[in-house]
C-alpha atoms as a PDB file:
ATOM      1  CA  MET A   1       0.000   0.000   0.000  1.00  0.00           C
ATOM      2  CA  LYS A   2       1.563   3.278  -1.091  1.00  0.00           C
ATOM      3  CA  GLY A   3       1.304   6.211   1.259  1.00  0.00           C
ATOM      4  CA  LYS A   4       0.285   9.676   0.191  1.00  0.00           C
ATOM      5  CA  LYS A   5       2.736  12.542  -0.082  1.00  0.00           C
ATOM      6  CA  LEU A   6       2.191  14.778   2.918  1.00  0.00           C
ATOM      7  CA  ALA A   7       2.869  18.478   2.676  1.00  0.00           C
ATOM      8  CA  ILE A   8       2.954  20.519   5.897  1.00  0.00           C
ATOM      9  CA  ASN A   9       0.777  23.229   4.372  1.00  0.00           C
ATOM     10  CA  LYS A  10       3.597  25.385   3.009  1.00  0.00           C
ATOM     11  CA  ILE A  11       5.228  26.129   6.351  1.00  0.00           C
ATOM     12  CA  THR A  12       7.988  28.607   5.666  1.00  0.00           C
ATOM     13  CA  LEU A  13      10.864  29.816   7.745  1.00  0.00           C
ATOM     14  CA  LEU A  14      12.039  33.290   6.875  1.00  0.00           C
ATOM     15  CA  ARG A  15      15.318  34.729   8.031  1.00  0.00           C
ATOM     16  CA  SER A  16      15.914  38.321   7.101  1.00  0.00           C
ATOM     17  CA  PRO A  17      17.937  41.169   8.482  1.00  0.00           C
ATOM     18  CA  ARG A  18      16.194  43.795  10.516  1.00  0.00           C
ATOM     19  CA  SER A  19      16.685  46.233   7.723  1.00  0.00           C
ATOM     20  CA  SER A  20      14.648  44.009   5.338  1.00  0.00           C
ATOM     21  CA  ALA A  21      11.378  45.349   4.020  1.00  0.00           C
ATOM     22  CA  LEU A  22       9.661  42.191   5.338  1.00  0.00           C
ATOM     23  CA  SER A  23      10.594  43.014   8.905  1.00  0.00           C
ATOM     24  CA  SER A  24       8.448  45.372  10.932  1.00  0.00           C
ATOM     25  CA  ALA A  25       9.034  43.917  14.418  1.00  0.00           C
ATOM     26  CA  PRO A  26      10.346  45.984  17.323  1.00  0.00           C
ATOM     27  CA  ALA A  27      14.083  46.451  17.548  1.00  0.00           C
ATOM     28  CA  SER A  28      14.276  44.194  20.575  1.00  0.00           C
ATOM     29  CA  SER A  29      12.891  41.153  18.665  1.00  0.00           C
ATOM     30  CA  PRO A  30      15.166  38.753  16.768  1.00  0.00           C
ATOM     31  CA  GLY A  31      15.393  38.750  12.977  1.00  0.00           C
ATOM     32  CA  ILE A  32      13.735  35.292  12.505  1.00  0.00           C
ATOM     33  CA  LYS A  33      10.188  35.495  11.170  1.00  0.00           C
ATOM     34  CA  TYR A  34       7.619  32.684  10.889  1.00  0.00           C
ATOM     35  CA  SER A  35       4.794  32.741   8.390  1.00  0.00           C
ATOM     36  CA  LEU A  36       2.114  30.432   6.958  1.00  0.00           C
ATOM     37  CA  SER A  37       1.214  31.081   3.349  1.00  0.00           C
ATOM     38  CA  HIS A  38      -2.509  30.372   3.780  1.00  0.00           C
ATOM     39  CA  GLY A  39      -2.853  32.140   7.108  1.00  0.00           C
ATOM     40  CA  ILE A  40      -4.374  29.118   8.921  1.00  0.00           C
ATOM     41  CA  LYS A  41      -5.111  29.773  12.578  1.00  0.00           C
ATOM     42  CA  LEU A  42      -3.285  27.157  14.671  1.00  0.00           C
ATOM     43  CA  CYS A  43      -4.439  28.219  18.148  1.00  0.00           C
ATOM     44  CA  SER A  44      -6.948  30.424  19.915  1.00  0.00           C
ATOM     45  CA  SER A  45      -4.528  33.295  20.320  1.00  0.00           C
ATOM     46  CA  ARG A  46      -5.708  36.527  18.767  1.00  0.00           C
ATOM     47  CA  TYR A  47      -2.181  36.977  17.409  1.00  0.00           C
ATOM     48  CA  CYS A  48      -2.517  33.839  15.202  1.00  0.00           C
ATOM     49  CA  SER A  49      -4.831  35.291  12.562  1.00  0.00           C
ATOM     50  CA  SER A  50      -1.773  35.823  10.393  1.00  0.00           C
ATOM     51  CA  PHE A  51       1.792  34.710  10.931  1.00  0.00           C
ATOM     52  CA  PHE A  52       3.405  37.000   8.439  1.00  0.00           C
ATOM     53  CA  ASN A  53       5.553  39.662  10.139  1.00  0.00           C
ATOM     54  CA  ARG A  54       4.783  38.314  13.641  1.00  0.00           C
ATOM     55  CA  ASP A  55       7.422  37.800  16.323  1.00  0.00           C
ATOM     56  CA  PRO A  56       7.852  34.330  17.890  1.00  0.00           C
ATOM     57  CA  GLU A  57       7.303  35.751  21.359  1.00  0.00           C
ATOM     58  CA  TYR A  58       3.747  36.654  20.409  1.00  0.00           C
ATOM     59  CA  CYS A  59       2.917  33.318  18.608  1.00  0.00           C
ATOM     60  CA  ARG A  60       4.833  30.042  18.907  1.00  0.00           C
ATOM     61  CA  CYS A  61       2.386  27.866  16.941  1.00  0.00           C
ATOM     62  CA  SER A  62       4.445  27.911  13.748  1.00  0.00           C
ATOM     63  CA  LEU A  63       7.539  26.935  15.713  1.00  0.00           C
ATOM     64  CA  LEU A  64       5.611  24.017  17.236  1.00  0.00           C
ATOM     65  CA  VAL A  65       4.513  22.761  13.800  1.00  0.00           C
ATOM     66  CA  TRP A  66       8.062  23.002  12.527  1.00  0.00           C
ATOM     67  CA  THR A  67       9.332  20.978  15.497  1.00  0.00           C
ATOM     68  CA  LYS A  68       6.668  18.270  15.035  1.00  0.00           C
ATOM     69  CA  ALA A  69       7.524  17.995  11.343  1.00  0.00           C
ATOM     70  CA  GLN A  70      11.142  17.322  12.218  1.00  0.00           C
ATOM     71  CA  GLN A  71      10.112  14.681  14.775  1.00  0.00           C
ATOM     72  CA  ASN A  72       7.886  12.891  12.273  1.00  0.00           C
ATOM     73  CA  TYR A  73      10.669  12.878   9.743  1.00  0.00           C
ATOM     74  CA  GLN A  74      13.099  11.236  12.165  1.00  0.00           C
ATOM     75  CA  THR A  75      10.478   8.701  13.341  1.00  0.00           C
ATOM     76  CA  HIS A  76       9.435   7.383   9.911  1.00  0.00           C
ATOM     77  CA  LYS A  77      12.896   7.479   8.304  1.00  0.00           C
ATOM     78  CA  CYS A  78      11.704   9.042   5.097  1.00  0.00           C
ATOM     79  CA  ALA A  79      13.778   8.323   2.031  1.00  0.00           C
ATOM     80  CA  THR A  80      13.328  11.848   0.742  1.00  0.00           C
ATOM     81  CA  GLN A  81      15.119  14.514   2.693  1.00  0.00           C
ATOM     82  CA  PRO A  82      13.244  17.752   3.388  1.00  0.00           C
ATOM     83  CA  LYS A  83      14.496  20.747   1.552  1.00  0.00           C
ATOM     84  CA  ARG A  84      16.971  22.793   3.527  1.00  0.00           C
ATOM     85  CA  ILE A  85      15.816  26.284   4.260  1.00  0.00           C
ATOM     86  CA  SER A  86      18.137  28.891   2.917  1.00  0.00           C
ATOM     87  CA  SER A  87      18.674  32.175   4.663  1.00  0.00           C
ATOM     88  CA  ASN A  88      18.536  33.864   1.265  1.00  0.00           C
ATOM     89  CA  VAL A  89      15.446  32.121  -0.223  1.00  0.00           C
ATOM     90  CA  ALA A  90      11.940  32.528   1.197  1.00  0.00           C
ATOM     91  CA  GLY A  91       8.886  30.322   0.581  1.00  0.00           C
ATOM     92  CA  GLN A  92      10.533  26.869   0.700  1.00  0.00           C
ATOM     93  CA  ILE A  93       8.088  23.918   0.992  1.00  0.00           C
ATOM     94  CA  ILE A  94       8.757  20.938   3.237  1.00  0.00           C
ATOM     95  CA  TYR A  95       7.517  17.549   1.884  1.00  0.00           C
ATOM     96  CA  LEU A  96       7.409  14.345   3.909  1.00  0.00           C
ATOM     97  CA  ASN A  97       7.042  11.136   1.868  1.00  0.00           C
ATOM     98  CA  PHE A  98       5.715   8.036   3.639  1.00  0.00           C
ATOM     99  CA  SER A  99       5.660   4.445   2.367  1.00  0.00           C
ATOM    100  CA  PHE A 100       3.609   1.831   4.263  1.00  0.00           C
ATOM    101  CA  THR A 101       3.462  -1.811   3.138  1.00  0.00           C
ATOM    102  CA  VAL A 102       1.458  -4.663   4.706  1.00  0.00           C
ATOM    103  CA  ASN A 103       1.869  -8.345   3.851  1.00  0.00           C
ATOM    104  CA  ARG A 104      -0.855 -10.703   5.037  1.00  0.00           C
ATOM    105  CA  PRO A 105      -2.655 -13.880   3.852  1.00  0.00           C
ATOM    106  CA  VAL A 106      -5.620 -13.372   1.525  1.00  0.00           C
ATOM    107  CA  SER A 107      -8.898 -14.104   3.327  1.00  0.00           C
ATOM    108  CA  GLU A 108     -11.321 -13.529   0.425  1.00  0.00           C
ATOM    109  CA  TYR A 109     -12.889 -16.523  -1.305  1.00  0.00           C
ATOM    110  CA  HIS A 110     -15.761 -17.515  -3.612  1.00  0.00           C
ATOM    111  CA  TYR A 111     -15.838 -14.644  -6.071  1.00  0.00           C
ATOM    112  CA  THR A 112     -18.641 -14.395  -8.665  1.00  0.00           C
ATOM    113  CA  LEU A 113     -17.918 -12.115 -11.618  1.00  0.00           C
ATOM    114  CA  TYR A 114     -20.558 -10.280 -13.668  1.00  0.00           C
ATOM    115  CA  TYR A 115     -19.967  -8.601 -17.037  1.00  0.00           C
ATOM    116  CA  TYR A 116     -22.379  -6.105 -18.664  1.00  0.00           C
ATOM    117  CA  ASP A 117     -22.613  -4.428 -22.044  1.00  0.00           C
ATOM    118  CA  GLN A 118     -23.125  -0.709 -22.629  1.00  0.00           C
ATOM    119  CA  ALA A 119     -26.917  -1.174 -22.522  1.00  0.00           C
ATOM    120  CA  GLY A 120     -26.722  -2.660 -19.024  1.00  0.00           C
ATOM    121  CA  ASN A 121     -27.409  -6.233 -20.160  1.00  0.00           C
ATOM    122  CA  LEU A 122     -25.698  -9.092 -18.346  1.00  0.00           C
ATOM    123  CA  ILE A 123     -23.510 -10.713 -21.013  1.00  0.00           C
ATOM    124  CA  LYS A 124     -21.304 -13.041 -18.967  1.00  0.00           C
ATOM    125  CA  THR A 125     -20.927 -14.489 -15.495  1.00  0.00           C
ATOM    126  CA  ILE A 126     -18.078 -16.461 -13.950  1.00  0.00           C
ATOM    127  CA  SER A 127     -18.955 -18.838 -11.113  1.00  0.00           C
ATOM    128  CA  PRO A 128     -16.638 -19.146  -8.081  1.00  0.00           C
ATOM    129  CA  GLU A 129     -15.254 -22.414  -9.449  1.00  0.00           C
ATOM    130  CA  GLY A 130     -14.014 -20.627 -12.562  1.00  0.00           C
ATOM    131  CA  VAL A 131     -12.508 -17.509 -10.945  1.00  0.00           C
ATOM    132  CA  HIS A 132      -8.699 -17.645 -10.765  1.00  0.00           C
ATOM    133  CA  PRO A 133      -7.272 -14.481  -9.155  1.00  0.00           C
ATOM    134  CA  ASN A 134      -3.704 -13.630 -10.176  1.00  0.00           C
ATOM    135  CA  ARG A 135      -1.805 -11.528  -7.667  1.00  0.00           C
ATOM    136  CA  ASP A 136       1.622 -12.153  -9.120  1.00  0.00           C
ATOM    137  CA  SER A 137       3.707  -8.989  -9.267  1.00  0.00           C
ATOM    138  CA  THR A 138       4.697  -9.667 -12.896  1.00  0.00           C
ATOM    139  CA  TRP A 139       1.057 -10.039 -13.912  1.00  0.00           C
ATOM    140  CA  LEU A 140       0.053  -6.848 -12.084  1.00  0.00           C
ATOM    141  CA  ALA A 141       2.878  -4.960 -13.767  1.00  0.00           C
ATOM    142  CA  GLN A 142       1.650  -6.196 -17.168  1.00  0.00           C
ATOM    143  CA  VAL A 143      -1.890  -5.064 -16.348  1.00  0.00           C
ATOM    144  CA  LYS A 144      -0.609  -1.625 -15.414  1.00  0.00           C
ATOM    145  CA  ALA A 145       1.402  -1.375 -18.638  1.00  0.00           C
ATOM    146  CA  LYS A 146      -1.544  -2.524 -20.782  1.00  0.00           C
ATOM    147  CA  LYS A 147      -3.788   0.117 -19.220  1.00  0.00           C
ATOM    148  CA  VAL A 148      -1.378   2.804 -20.391  1.00  0.00           C
ATOM    149  CA  THR A 149      -1.305   1.470 -23.969  1.00  0.00           C
ATOM    150  CA  GLY A 150      -5.040   0.708 -24.061  1.00  0.00           C
ATOM    151  CA  GLU A 151      -4.510  -3.032 -24.615  1.00  0.00           C
ATOM    152  CA  LEU A 152      -6.331  -5.950 -23.000  1.00  0.00           C
ATOM    153  CA  GLN A 153      -4.884  -8.234 -20.365  1.00  0.00           C
ATOM    154  CA  VAL A 154      -7.445 -11.032 -19.975  1.00  0.00           C
ATOM    155  CA  PRO A 155      -7.394 -13.200 -16.808  1.00  0.00           C
ATOM    156  CA  ALA A 156      -7.425 -16.970 -17.156  1.00  0.00           C
ATOM    157  CA  HIS A 157     -10.971 -17.411 -15.815  1.00  0.00           C
ATOM    158  CA  THR A 158     -12.965 -20.491 -16.840  1.00  0.00           C
ATOM    159  CA  LEU A 159     -16.548 -21.829 -16.793  1.00  0.00           C
ATOM    160  CA  PRO A 160     -18.243 -18.721 -18.219  1.00  0.00           C
ATOM    161  CA  VAL A 161     -21.974 -18.380 -18.870  1.00  0.00           C
ATOM    162  CA  VAL A 162     -22.411 -16.178 -21.953  1.00  0.00           C
ATOM    163  CA  TYR A 163     -25.594 -14.404 -23.072  1.00  0.00           C
ATOM    164  CA  ARG A 164     -26.426 -12.763 -26.389  1.00  0.00           C
ATOM    165  CA  TYR A 165     -29.267 -10.278 -26.958  1.00  0.00           C
ATOM    166  CA  ASN A 166     -31.393  -8.922 -29.794  1.00  0.00           C
ATOM    167  CA  SER A 167     -32.220  -5.264 -30.437  1.00  0.00           C
ATOM    168  CA  LEU A 168     -35.038  -5.440 -27.848  1.00  0.00           C
ATOM    169  CA  ASN A 169     -32.544  -6.509 -25.147  1.00  0.00           C
ATOM    170  CA  GLN A 170     -34.023 -10.013 -25.053  1.00  0.00           C
ATOM    171  CA  VAL A 171     -31.819 -13.082 -24.627  1.00  0.00           C
ATOM    172  CA  VAL A 172     -31.533 -15.028 -27.897  1.00  0.00           C
ATOM    173  CA  THR A 173     -28.738 -17.449 -26.939  1.00  0.00           C
ATOM    174  CA  GLN A 174     -27.217 -18.734 -23.715  1.00  0.00           C
ATOM    175  CA  ASN A 175     -24.128 -20.896 -23.409  1.00  0.00           C
ATOM    176  CA  SER A 176     -23.256 -22.430 -20.021  1.00  0.00           C
ATOM    177  CA  PRO A 177     -20.772 -25.127 -18.959  1.00  0.00           C
ATOM    178  CA  ASP A 178     -23.442 -27.478 -17.588  1.00  0.00           C
ATOM    179  CA  GLY A 179     -26.479 -26.581 -19.709  1.00  0.00           C
ATOM    180  CA  GLY A 180     -24.750 -26.189 -23.049  1.00  0.00           C
ATOM    181  CA  TYR A 181     -26.088 -24.004 -25.851  1.00  0.00           C
ATOM    182  CA  SER A 182     -29.700 -22.748 -25.630  1.00  0.00           C
ATOM    183  CA  LYS A 183     -31.654 -20.667 -28.145  1.00  0.00           C
ATOM    184  CA  PHE A 184     -34.784 -18.524 -27.768  1.00  0.00           C
ATOM    185  CA  TRP A 185     -37.319 -17.174 -30.291  1.00  0.00           C
ATOM    186  CA  TYR A 186     -39.933 -14.431 -29.830  1.00  0.00           C
ATOM    187  CA  ASP A 187     -43.159 -13.550 -31.620  1.00  0.00           C
ATOM    188  CA  ARG A 188     -43.988 -10.236 -33.260  1.00  0.00           C
ATOM    189  CA  LEU A 189     -45.023  -8.778 -29.869  1.00  0.00           C
ATOM    190  CA  GLY A 190     -41.709  -9.677 -28.262  1.00  0.00           C
ATOM    191  CA  ARG A 191     -43.057 -12.630 -26.238  1.00  0.00           C
ATOM    192  CA  LEU A 192     -41.046 -15.815 -25.800  1.00  0.00           C
ATOM    193  CA  VAL A 193     -42.767 -18.534 -27.848  1.00  0.00           C
ATOM    194  CA  VAL A 194     -40.143 -21.204 -28.614  1.00  0.00           C
ATOM    195  CA  SER A 195     -36.889 -22.318 -27.020  1.00  0.00           C
ATOM    196  CA  GLN A 196     -34.460 -25.194 -27.374  1.00  0.00           C
ATOM    197  CA  ASN A 197     -31.663 -26.379 -25.081  1.00  0.00           C
ATOM    198  CA  ALA A 198     -28.700 -28.625 -25.820  1.00  0.00           C
ATOM    199  CA  LYS A 199     -30.485 -31.795 -24.708  1.00  0.00           C
ATOM    200  CA  GLN A 200     -33.544 -31.075 -26.860  1.00  0.00           C
ATOM    201  CA  LEU A 201     -31.340 -30.365 -29.875  1.00  0.00           C
ATOM    202  CA  THR A 202     -30.235 -33.993 -30.181  1.00  0.00           C
ATOM    203  CA  ALA A 203     -33.876 -35.153 -30.595  1.00  0.00           C
ATOM    204  CA  ASN A 204     -35.205 -32.109 -32.543  1.00  0.00           C
ATOM    205  CA  ASN A 205     -37.445 -31.193 -29.618  1.00  0.00           C
ATOM    206  CA  TYR A 206     -38.568 -27.673 -28.676  1.00  0.00           C
ATOM    207  CA  SER A 207     -40.354 -26.045 -25.767  1.00  0.00           C
ATOM    208  CA  TYR A 208     -43.234 -23.763 -26.724  1.00  0.00           C
ATOM    209  CA  THR A 209     -45.569 -21.239 -25.083  1.00  0.00           C
ATOM    210  CA  LYS A 210     -49.012 -20.082 -26.199  1.00  0.00           C
ATOM    211  CA  TYR A 211     -50.827 -16.899 -25.140  1.00  0.00           C
ATOM    212  CA  ASP A 212     -54.424 -15.653 -25.238  1.00  0.00           C
ATOM    213  CA  TRP A 213     -55.558 -12.285 -26.593  1.00  0.00           C
ATOM    214  CA  LEU A 214     -54.789 -10.623 -23.249  1.00  0.00           C
ATOM    215  CA  GLY A 215     -51.217 -11.890 -23.247  1.00  0.00           C
ATOM    216  CA  ARG A 216     -51.824 -14.534 -20.553  1.00  0.00           C
ATOM    217  CA  ILE A 217     -50.029 -17.868 -20.844  1.00  0.00           C
ATOM    218  CA  THR A 218     -52.530 -20.569 -21.822  1.00  0.00           C
ATOM    219  CA  GLU A 219     -50.332 -23.508 -22.797  1.00  0.00           C
ATOM    220  CA  VAL A 220     -46.742 -24.696 -22.378  1.00  0.00           C
ATOM    221  CA  GLY A 221     -45.239 -27.982 -23.497  1.00  0.00           C
ATOM    222  CA  GLU A 222     -42.653 -29.789 -25.541  1.00  0.00           C
ATOM    223  CA  LYS A 223     -42.941 -31.020 -29.101  1.00  0.00           C
ATOM    224  CA  ARG A 224     -40.827 -32.593 -31.800  1.00  0.00           C
ATOM    225  CA  GLN A 225     -40.414 -30.671 -35.034  1.00  0.00           C
ATOM    226  CA  ALA A 226     -38.425 -31.672 -38.097  1.00  0.00           C
ATOM    227  CA  THR A 227     -38.382 -28.082 -39.394  1.00  0.00           C
ATOM    228  CA  ALA A 228     -35.889 -25.905 -37.559  1.00  0.00           C
ATOM    229  CA  MET A 229     -37.293 -22.787 -35.924  1.00  0.00           C
ATOM    230  CA  ALA A 230     -36.192 -19.377 -37.240  1.00  0.00           C
ATOM    231  CA  ASP A 231     -36.971 -15.748 -36.470  1.00  0.00           C
ATOM    232  CA  THR A 232     -38.916 -15.419 -39.707  1.00  0.00           C
ATOM    233  CA  THR A 233     -41.205 -18.231 -38.538  1.00  0.00           C
ATOM    234  CA  SER A 234     -41.725 -17.131 -34.944  1.00  0.00           C
ATOM    235  CA  ARG A 235     -42.554 -13.518 -35.911  1.00  0.00           C
ATOM    236  CA  ARG A 236     -45.406 -14.442 -38.285  1.00  0.00           C
ATOM    237  CA  GLN A 237     -48.581 -15.591 -36.553  1.00  0.00           C
ATOM    238  CA  ASP A 238     -49.730 -17.916 -39.361  1.00  0.00           C
ATOM    239  CA  SER A 239     -46.291 -19.479 -39.831  1.00  0.00           C
ATOM    240  CA  LEU A 240     -45.886 -19.997 -36.076  1.00  0.00           C
ATOM    241  CA  GLN A 241     -49.321 -21.617 -35.752  1.00  0.00           C
ATOM    242  CA  SER A 242     -48.610 -23.938 -38.679  1.00  0.00           C
ATOM    243  CA  TRP A 243     -45.296 -24.893 -37.100  1.00  0.00           C
ATOM    244  CA  LEU A 244     -47.022 -25.679 -33.776  1.00  0.00           C
ATOM    245  CA  ASN A 245     -49.721 -27.810 -35.490  1.00  0.00           C
ATOM    246  CA  TYR A 246     -47.123 -30.295 -36.735  1.00  0.00           C
ATOM    247  CA  THR A 247     -47.905 -33.864 -35.619  1.00  0.00           C
ATOM    248  CA  TYR A 248     -45.471 -36.718 -35.021  1.00  0.00           C
ATOM    249  CA  THR A 249     -45.459 -40.268 -33.746  1.00  0.00           C
ATOM    250  CA  LEU A 250     -44.493 -41.179 -30.200  1.00  0.00           C
ATOM    251  CA  ASN A 251     -44.875 -44.756 -28.922  1.00  0.00           C
ATOM    252  CA  SER A 252     -47.025 -45.695 -31.942  1.00  0.00           C
ATOM    253  CA  GLN A 253     -49.339 -42.758 -31.243  1.00  0.00           C
ATOM    254  CA  THR A 254     -49.832 -39.611 -33.321  1.00  0.00           C
ATOM    255  CA  ILE A 255     -49.604 -36.578 -31.062  1.00  0.00           C
ATOM    256  CA  LEU A 256     -49.235 -32.802 -31.173  1.00  0.00           C
ATOM    257  CA  ALA A 257     -47.059 -32.349 -28.086  1.00  0.00           C
ATOM    258  CA  GLN A 258     -46.010 -33.952 -24.816  1.00  0.00           C
ATOM    259  CA  GLN A 259     -45.724 -32.877 -21.156  1.00  0.00           C
ATOM    260  CA  VAL A 260     -48.298 -30.124 -21.726  1.00  0.00           C
ATOM    261  CA  THR A 261     -49.802 -27.789 -19.116  1.00  0.00           C
ATOM    262  CA  ARG A 262     -52.939 -25.879 -20.126  1.00  0.00           C
ATOM    263  CA  THR A 263     -54.330 -22.944 -18.115  1.00  0.00           C
ATOM    264  CA  VAL A 264     -57.955 -21.840 -18.470  1.00  0.00           C
ATOM    265  CA  TYR A 265     -59.178 -18.413 -17.323  1.00  0.00           C
ATOM    266  CA  ASP A 266     -62.560 -16.784 -16.643  1.00  0.00           C
ATOM    267  CA  LEU A 267     -64.854 -19.729 -17.487  1.00  0.00           C
ATOM    268  CA  PRO A 268     -66.243 -22.295 -15.026  1.00  0.00           C
ATOM    269  CA  ALA A 269     -65.151 -25.831 -15.824  1.00  0.00           C
ATOM    270  CA  THR A 270     -67.007 -29.121 -15.945  1.00  0.00           C
ATOM    271  CA  LEU A 271     -65.656 -30.986 -12.954  1.00  0.00           C
ATOM    272  CA  PRO A 272     -64.598 -34.611 -13.406  1.00  0.00           C
ATOM    273  CA  LEU A 273     -66.380 -37.406 -11.587  1.00  0.00           C
ATOM    274  CA  VAL A 274     -64.612 -39.095  -8.715  1.00  0.00           C
ATOM    275  CA  SER A 275     -66.205 -42.445  -7.755  1.00  0.00           C
ATOM    276  CA  SER A 276     -69.225 -41.518  -9.916  1.00  0.00           C
ATOM    277  CA  THR A 277     -69.819 -38.310  -7.915  1.00  0.00           C
ATOM    278  CA  THR A 278     -68.660 -34.731  -8.250  1.00  0.00           C
ATOM    279  CA  ALA A 279     -66.577 -32.929  -5.649  1.00  0.00           C
ATOM    280  CA  TYR A 280     -68.598 -32.335  -2.499  1.00  0.00           C
ATOM    281  CA  ASN A 281     -69.539 -28.724  -1.847  1.00  0.00           C
ATOM    282  CA  PHE A 282     -67.211 -27.386  -4.555  1.00  0.00           C
ATOM    283  CA  HIS A 283     -68.788 -24.906  -6.942  1.00  0.00           C
ATOM    284  CA  GLN A 284     -67.273 -22.395  -9.327  1.00  0.00           C
ATOM    285  CA  LYS A 285     -69.200 -19.137  -9.511  1.00  0.00           C
ATOM    286  CA  GLY A 286     -69.020 -17.401 -12.875  1.00  0.00           C
ATOM    287  CA  TYR A 287     -69.253 -13.896 -11.390  1.00  0.00           C
ATOM    288  CA  THR A 288     -66.087 -14.457  -9.310  1.00  0.00           C
ATOM    289  CA  MET A 289     -64.007 -16.007 -12.121  1.00  0.00           C
ATOM    290  CA  ARG A 290     -63.286 -12.872 -14.140  1.00  0.00           C
ATOM    291  CA  ASN A 291     -59.532 -12.515 -14.881  1.00  0.00           C
ATOM    292  CA  ARG A 292     -58.772 -15.449 -12.615  1.00  0.00           C
ATOM    293  CA  VAL A 293     -57.492 -18.963 -13.216  1.00  0.00           C
ATOM    294  CA  SER A 294     -60.349 -21.418 -13.521  1.00  0.00           C
ATOM    295  CA  ASN A 295     -58.331 -24.616 -13.886  1.00  0.00           C
ATOM    296  CA  THR A 296     -54.989 -26.036 -14.968  1.00  0.00           C
ATOM    297  CA  LEU A 297     -54.850 -29.309 -16.913  1.00  0.00           C
ATOM    298  CA  LEU A 298     -51.853 -31.611 -17.335  1.00  0.00           C
ATOM    299  CA  TYR A 299     -51.303 -33.866 -20.353  1.00  0.00           C
ATOM    300  CA  ASP A 300     -48.706 -36.573 -20.791  1.00  0.00           C
ATOM    301  CA  VAL A 301     -49.477 -36.345 -24.516  1.00  0.00           C
ATOM    302  CA  LEU A 302     -51.752 -33.899 -26.342  1.00  0.00           C
ATOM    303  CA  LEU A 303     -53.754 -35.542 -29.093  1.00  0.00           C
ATOM    304  CA  PRO A 304     -54.707 -33.729 -32.324  1.00  0.00           C
ATOM    305  CA  GLY A 305     -58.336 -32.885 -33.048  1.00  0.00           C
ATOM    306  CA  SER A 306     -60.503 -30.746 -35.291  1.00  0.00           C
ATOM    307  CA  PRO A 307     -60.466 -27.829 -35.093  1.00  0.00           C
ATOM    308  CA  ASP A 308     -58.812 -27.824 -31.634  1.00  0.00           C
ATOM    309  CA  PRO A 309     -56.708 -30.468 -29.918  1.00  0.00           C
ATOM    310  CA  GLN A 310     -58.429 -32.971 -27.649  1.00  0.00           C
ATOM    311  CA  TYR A 311     -58.157 -30.902 -24.483  1.00  0.00           C
ATOM    312  CA  SER A 312     -60.718 -33.064 -22.704  1.00  0.00           C
ATOM    313  CA  GLU A 313     -58.287 -36.014 -22.600  1.00  0.00           C
ATOM    314  CA  TYR A 314     -56.080 -34.748 -19.806  1.00  0.00           C
ATOM    315  CA  THR A 315     -54.156 -36.728 -17.191  1.00  0.00           C
ATOM    316  CA  ASP A 316     -54.737 -34.539 -14.141  1.00  0.00           C
ATOM    317  CA  GLY A 317     -56.429 -31.227 -13.357  1.00  0.00           C
ATOM    318  CA  THR A 318     -56.617 -28.625 -10.649  1.00  0.00           C
ATOM    319  CA  TYR A 319     -59.718 -26.436 -10.253  1.00  0.00           C
ATOM    320  CA  TYR A 320     -60.157 -23.151  -8.403  1.00  0.00           C
ATOM    321  CA  SER A 321     -63.211 -21.537  -6.824  1.00  0.00           C
ATOM    322  CA  TYR A 322     -63.329 -17.970  -5.457  1.00  0.00           C
ATOM    323  CA  ASP A 323     -65.566 -16.104  -3.074  1.00  0.00           C
ATOM    324  CA  LYS A 324     -66.353 -12.382  -3.232  1.00  0.00           C
ATOM    325  CA  HIS A 325     -63.144 -11.614  -1.326  1.00  0.00           C
ATOM    326  CA  SER A 326     -61.024 -13.414  -3.980  1.00  0.00           C
ATOM    327  CA  LEU A 327     -60.136 -16.233  -1.575  1.00  0.00           C
ATOM    328  CA  SER A 328     -59.923 -19.566  -3.370  1.00  0.00           C
ATOM    329  CA  ARG A 329     -60.654 -23.207  -2.759  1.00  0.00           C
ATOM    330  CA  ILE A 330     -58.798 -25.859  -4.698  1.00  0.00           C
ATOM    331  CA  TYR A 331     -59.993 -29.188  -5.997  1.00  0.00           C
ATOM    332  CA  SER A 332     -57.759 -31.656  -7.785  1.00  0.00           C
ATOM    333  CA  GLY A 333     -59.034 -34.529  -9.876  1.00  0.00           C
ATOM    334  CA  ALA A 334     -58.015 -36.834 -12.694  1.00  0.00           C
ATOM    335  CA  MET A 335     -59.908 -38.170 -15.663  1.00  0.00           C
END
């Protein structure tokens, strides 16, 4: 740790003959004058408002500061000698240079690094496992030299997670050490509609999301698609819908998608029968369902239909009922 250069506020020692124009003291006073260039008051004495042309017998504060400066110099063994005050030159400045170095073990661990672009987007992270601090003096000297020349000195960090964005500051790709390479596609309103991770890539599978006219998520799932997704497809409503309607065979069965979750809003649902009876004392009231989730349905596979898929053939469902205070009751049942 480098110390700061300490200047004793331009303390000057003036020696002039009594006949000098700077001297206006009585004849009985000595010819040594003390002054402070900024006129700082060092004590409560009324004679300390200005040290210029004052006799030491009226104010000894400047003499005290001078003595303390000499003591500090001898104590800290400064490498730089203070300038010697000449009897012929006024206004000399005394500088004391201090250097303080501490060596101790590093007690900081588990760093996580974050990198951002000029738009404030997170573009890279380094996990603690991949952070390798370099405190070697040679390396630090190289970093200092590269800063002067404007060059890069890149640390040897590993295991980065890298993000790439589009012009709307939305993530379009993500590459991580454990998850691999993932891609994301958005519709014409900027909503995420299709994504694919490294594991899905090997089987041509994609994850998809559907929305209603109010922008609420109505369906999420996974499907196989032989045609690769592109921005030109996801940003056209008709092309995206045609891409999602693709059917394929899974376990000798023609399906639209698999592992599907469907969310229904606003409308009361027809409850399934459990042991030939409906749920006891569970009723959905239409006037309390507005803008609320009515039910969520889970499908192991979603079968095609005309014009809509066979949403009635679900595996499990959860139903919600609300009172006038928006408190809900939940009923879960399977087909």
